């Protein structure tokens, strides 16, 4: 399930938040991986412009009574938050 916010012990994470703010509010992720992703953007004359973004994929585990969450950051800003539909450990 895709969400617009994530409620952590240190505050609420919103789409568009910067990576340091997420760490401050939620702590260190239990799992993280970083990759490059090519994105094709159309310009005004119909040609595709290819740009490369850095994607950080973070999983937060808040313990056995809460679901785990996945936060995706593009170039250091939150662009997607997902509930992983299973409890942490």
N, C-alpha and C. Protein backbone atom coordinates (compact mmCIF):
# COMPACT_ATOMS: atom_id res chain seq x y z
N UNK A 1 0.84 -1.17 0.00
CA UNK A 1 0.00 0.00 0.00
C UNK A 1 0.90 1.25 0.00
N UNK A 2 0.62 2.17 -0.90
CA UNK A 2 1.39 3.41 -0.98
C UNK A 2 0.77 4.45 -0.06
N UNK A 3 1.63 5.16 0.66
CA UNK A 3 1.19 6.15 1.64
C UNK A 3 1.72 7.54 1.28
N UNK A 4 1.15 8.56 1.91
CA UNK A 4 1.63 9.93 1.72
C UNK A 4 2.52 10.39 2.88
N UNK A 5 2.40 9.70 4.04
CA UNK A 5 3.20 10.04 5.22
C UNK A 5 3.60 8.76 5.95
N UNK A 6 4.59 8.91 6.82
CA UNK A 6 5.04 7.83 7.69
C UNK A 6 5.23 8.42 9.08
N UNK A 7 4.55 7.85 10.06
CA UNK A 7 4.62 8.34 11.44
C UNK A 7 5.71 7.58 12.19
N UNK A 8 6.81 8.26 12.48
CA UNK A 8 7.92 7.69 13.23
C UNK A 8 7.94 8.28 14.63
N UNK A 9 8.71 7.70 15.53
CA UNK A 9 8.80 8.20 16.90
C UNK A 9 9.27 9.65 16.95
N UNK A 10 10.13 10.05 16.01
CA UNK A 10 10.69 11.40 16.01
C UNK A 10 9.91 12.41 15.19
N UNK A 11 8.80 12.00 14.59
CA UNK A 11 7.98 12.92 13.81
C UNK A 11 7.42 12.26 12.56
N UNK A 12 6.72 13.03 11.78
CA UNK A 12 6.08 12.52 10.57
C UNK A 12 6.94 12.81 9.36
N UNK A 13 7.15 11.78 8.54
CA UNK A 13 7.89 11.90 7.29
C UNK A 13 6.88 12.14 6.17
N UNK A 14 7.15 13.13 5.34
CA UNK A 14 6.28 13.50 4.22
C UNK A 14 6.99 13.27 2.89
N UNK A 15 6.22 13.08 1.84
CA UNK A 15 6.79 13.06 0.50
C UNK A 15 7.53 14.36 0.28
N UNK A 16 8.73 14.30 -0.27
CA UNK A 16 9.54 15.49 -0.49
C UNK A 16 10.54 15.79 0.61
N UNK A 17 10.42 15.12 1.76
CA UNK A 17 11.39 15.31 2.85
C UNK A 17 12.78 14.88 2.39
N UNK A 18 13.79 15.52 2.95
CA UNK A 18 15.18 15.18 2.64
C UNK A 18 15.65 14.02 3.51
N UNK A 19 16.62 13.26 3.00
CA UNK A 19 17.14 12.07 3.68
C UNK A 19 17.56 12.33 5.14
N UNK A 20 18.32 13.41 5.44
CA UNK A 20 18.71 13.63 6.84
C UNK A 20 17.50 13.81 7.77
N UNK A 21 16.42 14.40 7.26
CA UNK A 21 15.22 14.58 8.09
C UNK A 21 14.55 13.23 8.37
N UNK A 22 14.57 12.34 7.38
CA UNK A 22 14.00 11.01 7.57
C UNK A 22 14.79 10.27 8.65
N UNK A 23 16.11 10.32 8.58
CA UNK A 23 16.96 9.66 9.59
C UNK A 23 16.73 10.25 10.98
N UNK A 24 16.56 11.56 11.04
CA UNK A 24 16.32 12.22 12.33
C UNK A 24 14.99 11.77 12.93
N UNK A 25 13.98 11.61 12.10
CA UNK A 25 12.65 11.25 12.58
C UNK A 25 12.50 9.75 12.83
N UNK A 26 13.13 8.92 12.00
CA UNK A 26 12.90 7.47 12.04
C UNK A 26 14.10 6.65 12.48
N UNK A 27 15.27 7.26 12.55
CA UNK A 27 16.48 6.51 12.88
C UNK A 27 17.06 5.84 11.65
N UNK A 28 18.02 4.97 11.87
CA UNK A 28 18.68 4.25 10.79
C UNK A 28 17.73 3.19 10.22
N UNK A 29 17.70 3.04 8.91
CA UNK A 29 16.89 1.95 8.35
C UNK A 29 17.48 0.58 8.70
N UNK A 30 16.62 -0.41 8.80
CA UNK A 30 17.08 -1.78 9.06
C UNK A 30 17.78 -2.35 7.85
N UNK A 31 17.41 -1.87 6.68
CA UNK A 31 17.99 -2.34 5.42
C UNK A 31 18.04 -1.16 4.47
N UNK A 32 19.12 -1.05 3.72
CA UNK A 32 19.20 0.01 2.71
C UNK A 32 20.04 -0.45 1.53
N UNK A 33 19.65 0.02 0.36
CA UNK A 33 20.40 -0.24 -0.86
C UNK A 33 20.27 1.01 -1.74
N UNK A 34 21.33 1.27 -2.49
CA UNK A 34 21.35 2.44 -3.37
C UNK A 34 21.63 1.98 -4.80
N UNK A 35 20.95 2.61 -5.74
CA UNK A 35 21.15 2.27 -7.15
C UNK A 35 20.96 3.51 -8.01
N UNK A 36 21.43 3.42 -9.25
CA UNK A 36 21.18 4.48 -10.22
C UNK A 36 20.01 4.06 -11.10
N UNK A 37 19.21 5.04 -11.48
CA UNK A 37 18.07 4.75 -12.35
C UNK A 37 18.02 5.80 -13.45
N UNK A 38 17.90 5.34 -14.67
CA UNK A 38 17.77 6.25 -15.81
C UNK A 38 16.30 6.61 -15.98
N UNK A 39 16.03 7.90 -16.18
CA UNK A 39 14.67 8.40 -16.33
C UNK A 39 14.58 9.14 -17.65
N UNK A 40 13.58 8.80 -18.45
CA UNK A 40 13.37 9.48 -19.72
C UNK A 40 12.29 10.53 -19.52
N UNK A 41 12.63 11.78 -19.84
CA UNK A 41 11.69 12.88 -19.72
C UNK A 41 11.47 13.49 -21.09
N UNK A 42 10.22 13.74 -21.43
CA UNK A 42 9.92 14.40 -22.70
C UNK A 42 10.22 15.88 -22.59
N UNK A 43 10.73 16.44 -23.69
CA UNK A 43 10.93 17.89 -23.72
C UNK A 43 9.89 18.51 -24.66
N UNK A 44 9.96 19.79 -24.88
CA UNK A 44 8.95 20.51 -25.64
C UNK A 44 8.88 20.11 -27.11
N UNK A 45 9.93 19.51 -27.66
CA UNK A 45 9.90 19.13 -29.08
C UNK A 45 9.67 17.63 -29.26
N UNK A 46 9.35 16.94 -28.18
CA UNK A 46 9.00 15.52 -28.27
C UNK A 46 10.16 14.55 -28.16
N UNK A 47 11.36 15.04 -28.00
CA UNK A 47 12.51 14.16 -27.80
C UNK A 47 12.60 13.76 -26.34
N UNK A 48 13.08 12.55 -26.11
CA UNK A 48 13.28 12.11 -24.74
C UNK A 48 14.65 12.50 -24.23
N UNK A 49 14.67 13.10 -23.05
CA UNK A 49 15.93 13.45 -22.41
C UNK A 49 16.17 12.43 -21.31
N UNK A 50 17.33 11.79 -21.33
CA UNK A 50 17.65 10.76 -20.34
C UNK A 50 18.49 11.39 -19.24
N UNK A 51 18.00 11.26 -18.02
CA UNK A 51 18.75 11.71 -16.85
C UNK A 51 18.97 10.52 -15.94
N UNK A 52 19.96 10.62 -15.09
CA UNK A 52 20.25 9.57 -14.13
C UNK A 52 20.00 10.10 -12.73
N UNK A 53 19.25 9.33 -11.94
CA UNK A 53 18.97 9.68 -10.56
C UNK A 53 19.52 8.60 -9.64
N UNK A 54 19.86 9.00 -8.42
CA UNK A 54 20.28 8.07 -7.38
C UNK A 54 19.03 7.70 -6.58
N UNK A 55 18.75 6.41 -6.50
CA UNK A 55 17.60 5.91 -5.75
C UNK A 55 18.10 5.21 -4.49
N UNK A 56 17.62 5.67 -3.33
CA UNK A 56 17.88 5.00 -2.06
C UNK A 56 16.61 4.26 -1.67
N UNK A 57 16.75 2.98 -1.35
CA UNK A 57 15.63 2.12 -0.96
C UNK A 57 15.86 1.72 0.49
N UNK A 58 15.06 2.28 1.39
CA UNK A 58 15.23 2.06 2.82
C UNK A 58 14.05 1.30 3.39
N UNK A 59 14.33 0.31 4.25
CA UNK A 59 13.29 -0.41 4.97
C UNK A 59 13.42 -0.10 6.45
N UNK A 60 12.31 0.30 7.06
CA UNK A 60 12.27 0.60 8.49
C UNK A 60 11.48 -0.48 9.21
N UNK A 61 12.07 -0.98 10.30
CA UNK A 61 11.48 -2.02 11.12
C UNK A 61 11.25 -1.42 12.50
N UNK A 62 9.99 -1.23 12.86
CA UNK A 62 9.65 -0.60 14.14
C UNK A 62 9.23 -1.60 15.21
N UNK A 63 9.55 -2.89 15.00
CA UNK A 63 9.27 -3.89 16.02
C UNK A 63 8.06 -4.76 15.70
N UNK A 64 7.82 -5.76 16.55
CA UNK A 64 6.82 -6.79 16.25
C UNK A 64 5.37 -6.33 16.32
N UNK A 65 5.11 -5.14 16.83
CA UNK A 65 3.72 -4.67 16.91
C UNK A 65 3.37 -3.67 15.81
N UNK A 66 4.32 -3.40 14.92
CA UNK A 66 4.06 -2.45 13.82
C UNK A 66 4.51 -3.04 12.49
N UNK A 67 3.87 -2.61 11.44
CA UNK A 67 4.27 -3.03 10.10
C UNK A 67 5.64 -2.44 9.76
N UNK A 68 6.33 -3.08 8.82
CA UNK A 68 7.56 -2.52 8.28
C UNK A 68 7.18 -1.57 7.14
N UNK A 69 8.06 -0.60 6.90
CA UNK A 69 7.80 0.41 5.87
C UNK A 69 9.01 0.53 4.95
N UNK A 70 8.72 0.81 3.70
CA UNK A 70 9.75 1.04 2.69
C UNK A 70 9.66 2.49 2.25
N UNK A 71 10.80 3.18 2.30
CA UNK A 71 10.87 4.57 1.88
C UNK A 71 11.84 4.65 0.70
N UNK A 72 11.37 5.17 -0.42
CA UNK A 72 12.21 5.36 -1.59
C UNK A 72 12.53 6.83 -1.73
N UNK A 73 13.83 7.11 -1.88
CA UNK A 73 14.30 8.48 -2.05
C UNK A 73 14.93 8.62 -3.42
N UNK A 74 14.59 9.68 -4.12
CA UNK A 74 15.21 9.97 -5.42
C UNK A 74 16.04 11.23 -5.25
N UNK A 75 17.34 11.10 -5.49
CA UNK A 75 18.27 12.22 -5.34
C UNK A 75 18.13 12.88 -3.97
N UNK A 76 17.98 12.03 -2.93
CA UNK A 76 17.99 12.52 -1.55
C UNK A 76 16.68 13.01 -1.00
N UNK A 77 15.57 12.87 -1.76
CA UNK A 77 14.26 13.30 -1.28
C UNK A 77 13.25 12.16 -1.38
N UNK A 78 12.36 12.08 -0.40
CA UNK A 78 11.35 11.02 -0.36
C UNK A 78 10.39 11.20 -1.54
N UNK A 79 10.21 10.14 -2.33
CA UNK A 79 9.24 10.20 -3.42
C UNK A 79 8.20 9.09 -3.34
N UNK A 80 8.44 8.10 -2.45
CA UNK A 80 7.44 7.05 -2.29
C UNK A 80 7.58 6.43 -0.90
N UNK A 81 6.44 6.16 -0.27
CA UNK A 81 6.39 5.49 1.04
C UNK A 81 5.42 4.32 0.89
N UNK A 82 5.85 3.14 1.32
CA UNK A 82 5.01 1.94 1.19
C UNK A 82 4.93 1.21 2.52
N UNK A 83 3.72 0.75 2.86
CA UNK A 83 3.53 -0.17 3.98
C UNK A 83 3.79 -1.56 3.42
N UNK A 84 4.64 -2.34 4.09
CA UNK A 84 5.04 -3.64 3.56
C UNK A 84 4.11 -4.77 3.97
N UNK A 85 3.07 -4.48 4.72
CA UNK A 85 2.02 -5.45 5.05
C UNK A 85 2.48 -6.67 5.84
N UNK A 86 3.60 -6.56 6.53
CA UNK A 86 3.94 -7.61 7.50
C UNK A 86 4.71 -6.97 8.65
N UNK A 87 4.58 -7.60 9.81
CA UNK A 87 5.13 -7.04 11.04
C UNK A 87 6.64 -7.19 11.10
N UNK A 88 7.24 -6.27 11.84
CA UNK A 88 8.68 -6.31 12.06
C UNK A 88 9.05 -7.39 13.07
N UNK A 89 10.27 -7.33 13.51
CA UNK A 89 10.77 -8.33 14.45
C UNK A 89 11.41 -7.65 15.62
